[in-house]
Amino acid sequence: MNCNQTVICGRIIKIGDLRYTPAGVPVAEFRISHISRQIEAGTPRQVECEISAVALAQMAETISSMALGTKVKSTGFLAKKSRMSLQLVLHINNIDLI
C-alpha cells in the first residue's frame, strides 16, 4: 500500500534547534497546533490537536527560520518516531504560509 499522505493547517508552536545527521543533512523537529470545526456523524465538533513533525534538508532550514506562531499548511507522510516507537511523526514534504 502506498497511501500515506497527510495535510494539516495550524500554527507552529515549537521549533527545536537545527541539527545535522551524520551525513550532514539538516533536520528540524517542530510541533504544529491545529484548531478547527469538523463534521462527524452529521454533527459539528470542535477539534484541537498538536502534532509532532520533522523536516529534512532545505525544508528543515526553511522551518528553522520561521517564527513561532506562523500559520502553515503542511503536507507530508506519517511514520514511526523511531524503529522501536509506536508514536507517529509527520514528515514534511511541503509547507506553505497561510
PDB file of N, CA and C in Angstrom:
ATOM      1  N   MET A   1       0.831  -1.190   0.000  1.00  0.00           N
ATOM      2  CA  MET A   1       0.000   0.000   0.000  1.00  0.00           C
ATOM      3  C   MET A   1       0.871   1.247   0.000  1.00  0.00           C
ATOM      4  N   ASN A   2       0.515   2.201  -0.827  1.00  0.00           N
ATOM      5  CA  ASN A   2       1.282   3.440  -0.930  1.00  0.00           C
ATOM      6  C   ASN A   2       0.521   4.652  -0.409  1.00  0.00           C
ATOM      7  N   CYS A   3      -0.698   4.468   0.115  1.00  0.00           N
ATOM      8  CA  CYS A   3      -1.497   5.593   0.619  1.00  0.00           C
ATOM      9  C   CYS A   3      -0.985   6.045   1.971  1.00  0.00           C
ATOM     10  N   ASN A   4      -0.314   7.168   2.023  1.00  0.00           N
ATOM     11  CA  ASN A   4       0.136   7.743   3.281  1.00  0.00           C
ATOM     12  C   ASN A   4       0.454   9.207   3.018  1.00  0.00           C
ATOM     13  N   GLN A   5      -0.593  10.030   3.009  1.00  0.00           N
ATOM     14  CA  GLN A   5      -0.402  11.460   2.812  1.00  0.00           C
ATOM     15  C   GLN A   5      -1.273  12.194   3.811  1.00  0.00           C
ATOM     16  N   THR A   6      -0.700  13.195   4.455  1.00  0.00           N
ATOM     17  CA  THR A   6      -1.404  13.968   5.468  1.00  0.00           C
ATOM     18  C   THR A   6      -1.245  15.447   5.153  1.00  0.00           C
ATOM     19  N   VAL A   7      -2.347  16.181   5.277  1.00  0.00           N
ATOM     20  CA  VAL A   7      -2.328  17.640   5.127  1.00  0.00           C
ATOM     21  C   VAL A   7      -2.958  18.211   6.382  1.00  0.00           C
ATOM     22  N   ILE A   8      -2.275  19.155   7.015  1.00  0.00           N
ATOM     23  CA  ILE A   8      -2.827  19.798   8.213  1.00  0.00           C
ATOM     24  C   ILE A   8      -2.415  21.267   8.226  1.00  0.00           C
ATOM     25  N   CYS A   9      -3.356  22.100   8.638  1.00  0.00           N
ATOM     26  CA  CYS A   9      -3.085  23.530   8.790  1.00  0.00           C
ATOM     27  C   CYS A   9      -3.043  23.856  10.273  1.00  0.00           C
ATOM     28  N   GLY A  10      -2.201  24.794  10.632  1.00  0.00           N
ATOM     29  CA  GLY A  10      -2.119  25.206  12.025  1.00  0.00           C
ATOM     30  C   GLY A  10      -0.998  26.193  12.240  1.00  0.00           C
ATOM     31  N   ARG A  11      -0.686  26.405  13.499  1.00  0.00           N
ATOM     32  CA  ARG A  11       0.389  27.329  13.890  1.00  0.00           C
ATOM     33  C   ARG A  11       1.585  26.535  14.400  1.00  0.00           C
ATOM     34  N   ILE A  12       2.764  26.998  14.047  1.00  0.00           N
ATOM     35  CA  ILE A  12       3.976  26.391  14.595  1.00  0.00           C
ATOM     36  C   ILE A  12       4.120  26.879  16.035  1.00  0.00           C
ATOM     37  N   ILE A  13       4.158  25.932  16.978  1.00  0.00           N
ATOM     38  CA  ILE A  13       4.220  26.312  18.389  1.00  0.00           C
ATOM     39  C   ILE A  13       5.555  25.971  19.036  1.00  0.00           C
ATOM     40  N   LYS A  14       6.365  25.169  18.378  1.00  0.00           N
ATOM     41  CA  LYS A  14       7.678  24.822  18.918  1.00  0.00           C
ATOM     42  C   LYS A  14       8.591  24.443  17.767  1.00  0.00           C
ATOM     43  N   ILE A  15       9.822  24.927  17.808  1.00  0.00           N
ATOM     44  CA  ILE A  15      10.828  24.554  16.812  1.00  0.00           C
ATOM     45  C   ILE A  15      12.107  24.214  17.570  1.00  0.00           C
ATOM     46  N   GLY A  16      12.580  22.989  17.382  1.00  0.00           N
ATOM     47  CA  GLY A  16      13.836  22.580  18.008  1.00  0.00           C
ATOM     48  C   GLY A  16      15.024  23.185  17.281  1.00  0.00           C
ATOM     49  N   ASP A  17      16.184  23.087  17.896  1.00  0.00           N
ATOM     50  CA  ASP A  17      17.406  23.571  17.250  1.00  0.00           C
ATOM     51  C   ASP A  17      17.689  22.770  15.982  1.00  0.00           C
ATOM     52  N   LEU A  18      18.150  23.450  14.964  1.00  0.00           N
ATOM     53  CA  LEU A  18      18.543  22.771  13.726  1.00  0.00           C
ATOM     54  C   LEU A  18      19.726  21.861  14.038  1.00  0.00           C
ATOM     55  N   ARG A  19      19.597  20.604  13.659  1.00  0.00           N
ATOM     56  CA  ARG A  19      20.694  19.659  13.876  1.00  0.00           C
ATOM     57  C   ARG A  19      21.017  18.997  12.551  1.00  0.00           C
ATOM     58  N   TYR A  20      22.052  18.162  12.554  1.00  0.00           N
ATOM     59  CA  TYR A  20      22.510  17.530  11.317  1.00  0.00           C
ATOM     60  C   TYR A  20      22.695  16.036  11.537  1.00  0.00           C
ATOM     61  N   THR A  21      22.336  15.241  10.520  1.00  0.00           N
ATOM     62  CA  THR A  21      22.577  13.807  10.566  1.00  0.00           C
ATOM     63  C   THR A  21      24.079  13.565  10.421  1.00  0.00           C
ATOM     64  N   PRO A  22      24.546  12.340  10.688  1.00  0.00           N
ATOM     65  CA  PRO A  22      25.971  12.048  10.474  1.00  0.00           C
ATOM     66  C   PRO A  22      26.418  12.307   9.030  1.00  0.00           C
ATOM     67  N   ALA A  23      25.474  12.241   8.094  1.00  0.00           N
ATOM     68  CA  ALA A  23      25.798  12.517   6.692  1.00  0.00           C
ATOM     69  C   ALA A  23      25.751  14.004   6.363  1.00  0.00           C
ATOM     70  N   GLY A  24      25.430  14.846   7.375  1.00  0.00           N
ATOM     71  CA  GLY A  24      25.417  16.293   7.158  1.00  0.00           C
ATOM     72  C   GLY A  24      24.098  16.860   6.675  1.00  0.00           C
ATOM     73  N   VAL A  25      23.016  16.086   6.720  1.00  0.00           N
ATOM     74  CA  VAL A  25      21.696  16.553   6.265  1.00  0.00           C
ATOM     75  C   VAL A  25      21.019  17.314   7.406  1.00  0.00           C
ATOM     76  N   PRO A  26      20.573  18.549   7.159  1.00  0.00           N
ATOM     77  CA  PRO A  26      19.884  19.310   8.206  1.00  0.00           C
ATOM     78  C   PRO A  26      18.561  18.650   8.599  1.00  0.00           C
ATOM     79  N   VAL A  27      18.228  18.716   9.905  1.00  0.00           N
ATOM     80  CA  VAL A  27      16.990  18.155  10.435  1.00  0.00           C
ATOM     81  C   VAL A  27      16.370  19.176  11.382  1.00  0.00           C
ATOM     82  N   ALA A  28      15.072  19.435  11.214  1.00  0.00           N
ATOM     83  CA  ALA A  28      14.333  20.314  12.119  1.00  0.00           C
ATOM     84  C   ALA A  28      13.122  19.565  12.652  1.00  0.00           C
ATOM     85  N   GLU A  29      13.018  19.481  13.976  1.00  0.00           N
ATOM     86  CA  GLU A  29      11.840  18.904  14.616  1.00  0.00           C
ATOM     87  C   GLU A  29      11.006  20.055  15.155  1.00  0.00           C
ATOM     88  N   PHE A  30       9.671  19.969  14.985  1.00  0.00           N
ATOM     89  CA  PHE A  30       8.798  21.045  15.432  1.00  0.00           C
ATOM     90  C   PHE A  30       7.410  20.508  15.731  1.00  0.00           C
ATOM     91  N   ARG A  31       6.545  21.365  16.276  1.00  0.00           N
ATOM     92  CA  ARG A  31       5.169  20.981  16.600  1.00  0.00           C
ATOM     93  C   ARG A  31       4.214  21.970  15.968  1.00  0.00           C
ATOM     94  N   ILE A  32       3.080  21.429  15.509  1.00  0.00           N
ATOM     95  CA  ILE A  32       2.016  22.226  14.901  1.00  0.00           C
ATOM     96  C   ILE A  32       0.763  22.084  15.764  1.00  0.00           C
ATOM     97  N   SER A  33       0.133  23.201  16.088  1.00  0.00           N
ATOM     98  CA  SER A  33      -1.134  23.215  16.812  1.00  0.00           C
ATOM     99  C   SER A  33      -2.256  23.465  15.808  1.00  0.00           C
ATOM    100  N   HIS A  34      -3.270  22.607  15.842  1.00  0.00           N
ATOM    101  CA  HIS A  34      -4.390  22.702  14.897  1.00  0.00           C
ATOM    102  C   HIS A  34      -5.688  22.884  15.678  1.00  0.00           C
ATOM    103  N   ILE A  35      -6.522  23.840  15.237  1.00  0.00           N
ATOM    104  CA  ILE A  35      -7.860  24.049  15.801  1.00  0.00           C
ATOM    105  C   ILE A  35      -8.811  24.264  14.631  1.00  0.00           C
ATOM    106  N   SER A  36      -9.910  23.507  14.624  1.00  0.00           N
ATOM    107  CA  SER A  36     -10.906  23.675  13.559  1.00  0.00           C
ATOM    108  C   SER A  36     -12.252  23.129  14.005  1.00  0.00           C
ATOM    109  N   ARG A  37     -13.254  23.351  13.172  1.00  0.00           N
ATOM    110  CA  ARG A  37     -14.567  22.732  13.372  1.00  0.00           C
ATOM    111  C   ARG A  37     -14.730  21.711  12.255  1.00  0.00           C
ATOM    112  N   GLN A  38     -15.101  20.503  12.630  1.00  0.00           N
ATOM    113  CA  GLN A  38     -15.278  19.410  11.688  1.00  0.00           C
ATOM    114  C   GLN A  38     -16.663  18.809  11.880  1.00  0.00           C
ATOM    115  N   ILE A  39     -17.136  18.113  10.858  1.00  0.00           N
ATOM    116  CA  ILE A  39     -18.409  17.410  10.933  1.00  0.00           C
ATOM    117  C   ILE A  39     -18.113  15.931  11.146  1.00  0.00           C
ATOM    118  N   GLU A  40     -18.706  15.369  12.190  1.00  0.00           N
ATOM    119  CA  GLU A  40     -18.547  13.944  12.468  1.00  0.00           C
ATOM    120  C   GLU A  40     -19.936  13.368  12.742  1.00  0.00           C
ATOM    121  N   ALA A  41     -20.308  12.339  11.979  1.00  0.00           N
ATOM    122  CA  ALA A  41     -21.631  11.713  12.112  1.00  0.00           C
ATOM    123  C   ALA A  41     -22.735  12.761  12.008  1.00  0.00           C
ATOM    124  N   GLY A  42     -22.543  13.734  11.111  1.00  0.00           N
ATOM    125  CA  GLY A  42     -23.543  14.756  10.864  1.00  0.00           C
ATOM    126  C   GLY A  42     -23.597  15.864  11.909  1.00  0.00           C
ATOM    127  N   THR A  43     -22.704  15.835  12.885  1.00  0.00           N
ATOM    128  CA  THR A  43     -22.715  16.823  13.954  1.00  0.00           C
ATOM    129  C   THR A  43     -21.404  17.597  13.970  1.00  0.00           C
ATOM    130  N   PRO A  44     -21.494  18.945  14.022  1.00  0.00           N
ATOM    131  CA  PRO A  44     -20.252  19.723  14.098  1.00  0.00           C
ATOM    132  C   PRO A  44     -19.585  19.545  15.459  1.00  0.00           C
ATOM    133  N   ARG A  45     -18.254  19.545  15.438  1.00  0.00           N
ATOM    134  CA  ARG A  45     -17.497  19.458  16.692  1.00  0.00           C
ATOM    135  C   ARG A  45     -16.217  20.265  16.580  1.00  0.00           C
ATOM    136  N   GLN A  46     -15.767  20.748  17.716  1.00  0.00           N
ATOM    137  CA  GLN A  46     -14.505  21.482  17.800  1.00  0.00           C
ATOM    138  C   GLN A  46     -13.368  20.458  17.877  1.00  0.00           C
ATOM    139  N   VAL A  47     -12.345  20.640  17.052  1.00  0.00           N
ATOM    140  CA  VAL A  47     -11.191  19.739  17.043  1.00  0.00           C
ATOM    141  C   VAL A  47      -9.949  20.537  17.387  1.00  0.00           C
ATOM    142  N   GLU A  48      -9.192  20.036  18.357  1.00  0.00           N
ATOM    143  CA  GLU A  48      -7.918  20.646  18.731  1.00  0.00           C
ATOM    144  C   GLU A  48      -6.895  19.540  18.889  1.00  0.00           C
ATOM    145  N   CYS A  49      -5.716  19.733  18.327  1.00  0.00           N
ATOM    146  CA  CYS A  49      -4.652  18.741  18.484  1.00  0.00           C
ATOM    147  C   CYS A  49      -3.301  19.399  18.234  1.00  0.00           C
ATOM    148  N   GLU A  50      -2.276  18.720  18.691  1.00  0.00           N
ATOM    149  CA  GLU A  50      -0.900  19.093  18.393  1.00  0.00           C
ATOM    150  C   GLU A  50      -0.251  17.889  17.739  1.00  0.00           C
ATOM    151  N   ILE A  51       0.564  18.136  16.732  1.00  0.00           N
ATOM    152  CA  ILE A  51       1.228  17.045  16.037  1.00  0.00           C
ATOM    153  C   ILE A  51       2.722  17.334  15.947  1.00  0.00           C
ATOM    154  N   SER A  52       3.507  16.303  16.207  1.00  0.00           N
ATOM    155  CA  SER A  52       4.960  16.401  16.054  1.00  0.00           C
ATOM    156  C   SER A  52       5.309  16.238  14.584  1.00  0.00           C
ATOM    157  N   ALA A  53       6.276  17.025  14.139  1.00  0.00           N
ATOM    158  CA  ALA A  53       6.679  16.975  12.736  1.00  0.00           C
ATOM    159  C   ALA A  53       8.192  17.070  12.629  1.00  0.00           C
ATOM    160  N   VAL A  54       8.700  16.605  11.496  1.00  0.00           N
ATOM    161  CA  VAL A  54      10.136  16.670  11.225  1.00  0.00           C
ATOM    162  C   VAL A  54      10.329  17.017   9.753  1.00  0.00           C
ATOM    163  N   ALA A  55      11.357  17.791   9.474  1.00  0.00           N
ATOM    164  CA  ALA A  55      11.702  18.157   8.097  1.00  0.00           C
ATOM    165  C   ALA A  55      13.191  17.969   7.905  1.00  0.00           C
ATOM    166  N   LEU A  56      13.579  17.624   6.688  1.00  0.00           N
ATOM    167  CA  LEU A  56      14.982  17.393   6.358  1.00  0.00           C
ATOM    168  C   LEU A  56      15.426  18.302   5.224  1.00  0.00           C
ATOM    169  N   ALA A  57      16.729  18.445   5.108  1.00  0.00           N
ATOM    170  CA  ALA A  57      17.381  19.167   4.007  1.00  0.00           C
ATOM    171  C   ALA A  57      16.920  20.632   3.957  1.00  0.00           C
ATOM    172  N   GLN A  58      16.625  21.134   2.762  1.00  0.00           N
ATOM    173  CA  GLN A  58      16.240  22.542   2.590  1.00  0.00           C
ATOM    174  C   GLN A  58      14.971  22.874   3.361  1.00  0.00           C
ATOM    175  N   MET A  59      14.025  21.931   3.446  1.00  0.00           N
ATOM    176  CA  MET A  59      12.785  22.158   4.186  1.00  0.00           C
ATOM    177  C   MET A  59      13.098  22.413   5.661  1.00  0.00           C
ATOM    178  N   ALA A  60      14.070  21.704   6.219  1.00  0.00           N
ATOM    179  CA  ALA A  60      14.474  21.903   7.621  1.00  0.00           C
ATOM    180  C   ALA A  60      15.023  23.309   7.824  1.00  0.00           C
ATOM    181  N   GLU A  61      15.839  23.775   6.912  1.00  0.00           N
ATOM    182  CA  GLU A  61      16.400  25.120   7.024  1.00  0.00           C
ATOM    183  C   GLU A  61      15.307  26.180   6.939  1.00  0.00           C
ATOM    184  N   THR A  62      14.337  25.956   6.064  1.00  0.00           N
ATOM    185  CA  THR A  62      13.211  26.891   5.931  1.00  0.00           C
ATOM    186  C   THR A  62      12.421  26.968   7.224  1.00  0.00           C
ATOM    187  N   ILE A  63      12.077  25.823   7.791  1.00  0.00           N
ATOM    188  CA  ILE A  63      11.279  25.790   9.013  1.00  0.00           C
ATOM    189  C   ILE A  63      12.045  26.368  10.190  1.00  0.00           C
ATOM    190  N   SER A  64      13.324  26.090  10.284  1.00  0.00           N
ATOM    191  CA  SER A  64      14.098  26.583  11.429  1.00  0.00           C
ATOM    192  C   SER A  64      14.187  28.108  11.443  1.00  0.00           C
ATOM    193  N   SER A  65      13.953  28.745  10.306  1.00  0.00           N
ATOM    194  CA  SER A  65      13.996  30.207  10.254  1.00  0.00           C
ATOM    195  C   SER A  65      12.625  30.851  10.465  1.00  0.00           C
ATOM    196  N   MET A  66      11.570  30.041  10.619  1.00  0.00           N
ATOM    197  CA  MET A  66      10.220  30.582  10.822  1.00  0.00           C
ATOM    198  C   MET A  66      10.033  31.015  12.271  1.00  0.00           C
ATOM    199  N   ALA A  67       9.145  31.968  12.458  1.00  0.00           N
ATOM    200  CA  ALA A  67       8.823  32.448  13.800  1.00  0.00           C
ATOM    201  C   ALA A  67       7.742  31.570  14.421  1.00  0.00           C
ATOM    202  N   LEU A  68       7.801  31.432  15.743  1.00  0.00           N
ATOM    203  CA  LEU A  68       6.716  30.741  16.439  1.00  0.00           C
ATOM    204  C   LEU A  68       5.419  31.489  16.184  1.00  0.00           C
ATOM    205  N   GLY A  69       4.326  30.752  16.034  1.00  0.00           N
ATOM    206  CA  GLY A  69       3.028  31.355  15.744  1.00  0.00           C
ATOM    207  C   GLY A  69       2.722  31.460  14.265  1.00  0.00           C
ATOM    208  N   THR A  70       3.694  31.159  13.409  1.00  0.00           N
ATOM    209  CA  THR A  70       3.482  31.225  11.967  1.00  0.00           C
ATOM    210  C   THR A  70       2.404  30.224  11.558  1.00  0.00           C
ATOM    211  N   LYS A  71       1.422  30.686  10.756  1.00  0.00           N
ATOM    212  CA  LYS A  71       0.362  29.806  10.258  1.00  0.00           C
ATOM    213  C   LYS A  71       0.861  29.111   8.994  1.00  0.00           C
ATOM    214  N   VAL A  72       0.706  27.777   8.965  1.00  0.00           N
ATOM    215  CA  VAL A  72       1.217  27.000   7.840  1.00  0.00           C
ATOM    216  C   VAL A  72       0.217  25.931   7.405  1.00  0.00           C
ATOM    217  N   LYS A  73       0.346  25.537   6.153  1.00  0.00           N
ATOM    218  CA  LYS A  73      -0.324  24.356   5.614  1.00  0.00           C
ATOM    219  C   LYS A  73       0.799  23.360   5.318  1.00  0.00           C
ATOM    220  N   SER A  74       0.789  22.234   6.030  1.00  0.00           N
ATOM    221  CA  SER A  74       1.867  21.252   5.935  1.00  0.00           C
ATOM    222  C   SER A  74       1.373  19.986   5.256  1.00  0.00           C
ATOM    223  N   THR A  75       2.178  19.463   4.354  1.00  0.00           N
ATOM    224  CA  THR A  75       1.862  18.221   3.654  1.00  0.00           C
ATOM    225  C   THR A  75       3.022  17.262   3.840  1.00  0.00           C
ATOM    226  N   GLY A  76       2.693  16.000   4.118  1.00  0.00           N
ATOM    227  CA  GLY A  76       3.742  15.012   4.297  1.00  0.00           C
ATOM    228  C   GLY A  76       3.172  13.630   4.515  1.00  0.00           C
ATOM    229  N   PHE A  77       3.959  12.780   5.167  1.00  0.00           N
ATOM    230  CA  PHE A  77       3.532  11.409   5.436  1.00  0.00           C
ATOM    231  C   PHE A  77       3.820  11.070   6.888  1.00  0.00           C
ATOM    232  N   LEU A  78       3.077  10.110   7.420  1.00  0.00           N
ATOM    233  CA  LEU A  78       3.250   9.676   8.798  1.00  0.00           C
ATOM    234  C   LEU A  78       4.200   8.492   8.870  1.00  0.00           C
ATOM    235  N   ALA A  79       5.054   8.493   9.888  1.00  0.00           N
ATOM    236  CA  ALA A  79       5.974   7.381  10.131  1.00  0.00           C
ATOM    237  C   ALA A  79       6.236   7.296  11.633  1.00  0.00           C
ATOM    238  N   LYS A  80       6.708   6.141  12.086  1.00  0.00           N
ATOM    239  CA  LYS A  80       7.056   5.986  13.486  1.00  0.00           C
ATOM    240  C   LYS A  80       8.209   6.923  13.834  1.00  0.00           C
ATOM    241  N   LYS A  81       8.197   7.420  15.075  1.00  0.00           N
ATOM    242  CA  LYS A  81       9.240   8.335  15.524  1.00  0.00           C
ATOM    243  C   LYS A  81      10.617   7.676  15.473  1.00  0.00           C
ATOM    244  N   SER A  82      10.664   6.396  15.802  1.00  0.00           N
ATOM    245  CA  SER A  82      11.904   5.632  15.725  1.00  0.00           C
ATOM    246  C   SER A  82      11.546   4.170  15.498  1.00  0.00           C
ATOM    247  N   ARG A  83      12.545   3.376  15.274  1.00  0.00           N
ATOM    248  CA  ARG A  83      12.319   1.963  14.977  1.00  0.00           C
ATOM    249  C   ARG A  83      11.551   1.255  16.086  1.00  0.00           C
ATOM    250  N   MET A  84      11.810   1.625  17.334  1.00  0.00           N
ATOM    251  CA  MET A  84      11.196   0.956  18.479  1.00  0.00           C
ATOM    252  C   MET A  84       9.943   1.663  19.010  1.00  0.00           C
ATOM    253  N   SER A  85       9.582   2.812  18.456  1.00  0.00           N
ATOM    254  CA  SER A  85       8.461   3.605  18.948  1.00  0.00           C
ATOM    255  C   SER A  85       7.201   3.344  18.136  1.00  0.00           C
ATOM    256  N   LEU A  86       6.049   3.492  18.779  1.00  0.00           N
ATOM    257  CA  LEU A  86       4.776   3.436  18.071  1.00  0.00           C
ATOM    258  C   LEU A  86       4.212   4.842  17.852  1.00  0.00           C
ATOM    259  N   GLN A  87       4.860   5.849  18.411  1.00  0.00           N
ATOM    260  CA  GLN A  87       4.422   7.235  18.264  1.00  0.00           C
ATOM    261  C   GLN A  87       4.632   7.691  16.816  1.00  0.00           C
ATOM    262  N   LEU A  88       3.621   8.375  16.258  1.00  0.00           N
ATOM    263  CA  LEU A  88       3.706   8.855  14.885  1.00  0.00           C
ATOM    264  C   LEU A  88       4.242  10.276  14.804  1.00  0.00           C
ATOM    265  N   VAL A  89       4.961  10.558  13.723  1.00  0.00           N
ATOM    266  CA  VAL A  89       5.504  11.884  13.435  1.00  0.00           C
ATOM    267  C   VAL A  89       5.190  12.198  11.978  1.00  0.00           C
ATOM    268  N   LEU A  90       4.802  13.451  11.720  1.00  0.00           N
ATOM    269  CA  LEU A  90       4.548  13.900  10.349  1.00  0.00           C
ATOM    270  C   LEU A  90       5.874  14.323   9.717  1.00  0.00           C
ATOM    271  N   HIS A  91       6.265  13.655   8.651  1.00  0.00           N
ATOM    272  CA  HIS A  91       7.476  14.002   7.892  1.00  0.00           C
ATOM    273  C   HIS A  91       7.052  14.956   6.786  1.00  0.00           C
ATOM    274  N   ILE A  92       7.540  16.173   6.834  1.00  0.00           N
ATOM    275  CA  ILE A  92       7.092  17.246   5.949  1.00  0.00           C
ATOM    276  C   ILE A  92       7.750  17.160   4.578  1.00  0.00           C
ATOM    277  N   ASN A  93       6.917  17.159   3.541  1.00  0.00           N
ATOM    278  CA  ASN A  93       7.398  17.257   2.153  1.00  0.00           C
ATOM    279  C   ASN A  93       7.227  18.672   1.615  1.00  0.00           C
ATOM    280  N   ASN A  94       6.191  19.372   2.126  1.00  0.00           N
ATOM    281  CA  ASN A  94       5.914  20.720   1.637  1.00  0.00           C
ATOM    282  C   ASN A  94       5.264  21.523   2.756  1.00  0.00           C
ATOM    283  N   ILE A  95       5.597  22.809   2.828  1.00  0.00           N
ATOM    284  CA  ILE A  95       4.971  23.696   3.809  1.00  0.00           C
ATOM    285  C   ILE A  95       4.738  25.039   3.154  1.00  0.00           C
ATOM    286  N   ASP A  96       3.525  25.557   3.314  1.00  0.00           N
ATOM    287  CA  ASP A  96       3.152  26.846   2.736  1.00  0.00           C
ATOM    288  C   ASP A  96       2.669  27.771   3.853  1.00  0.00           C
ATOM    289  N   LEU A  97       3.001  29.038   3.759  1.00  0.00           N
ATOM    290  CA  LEU A  97       2.479  30.028   4.699  1.00  0.00           C
ATOM    291  C   LEU A  97       1.026  30.297   4.355  1.00  0.00           C
ATOM    292  N   ILE A  98       0.189  30.468   5.387  1.00  0.00           N
ATOM    293  CA  ILE A  98      -1.217  30.818   5.148  1.00  0.00           C
ATOM    294  C   ILE A  98      -1.605  32.020   5.993  1.00  0.00           C
TER     295      ILE A  98
END
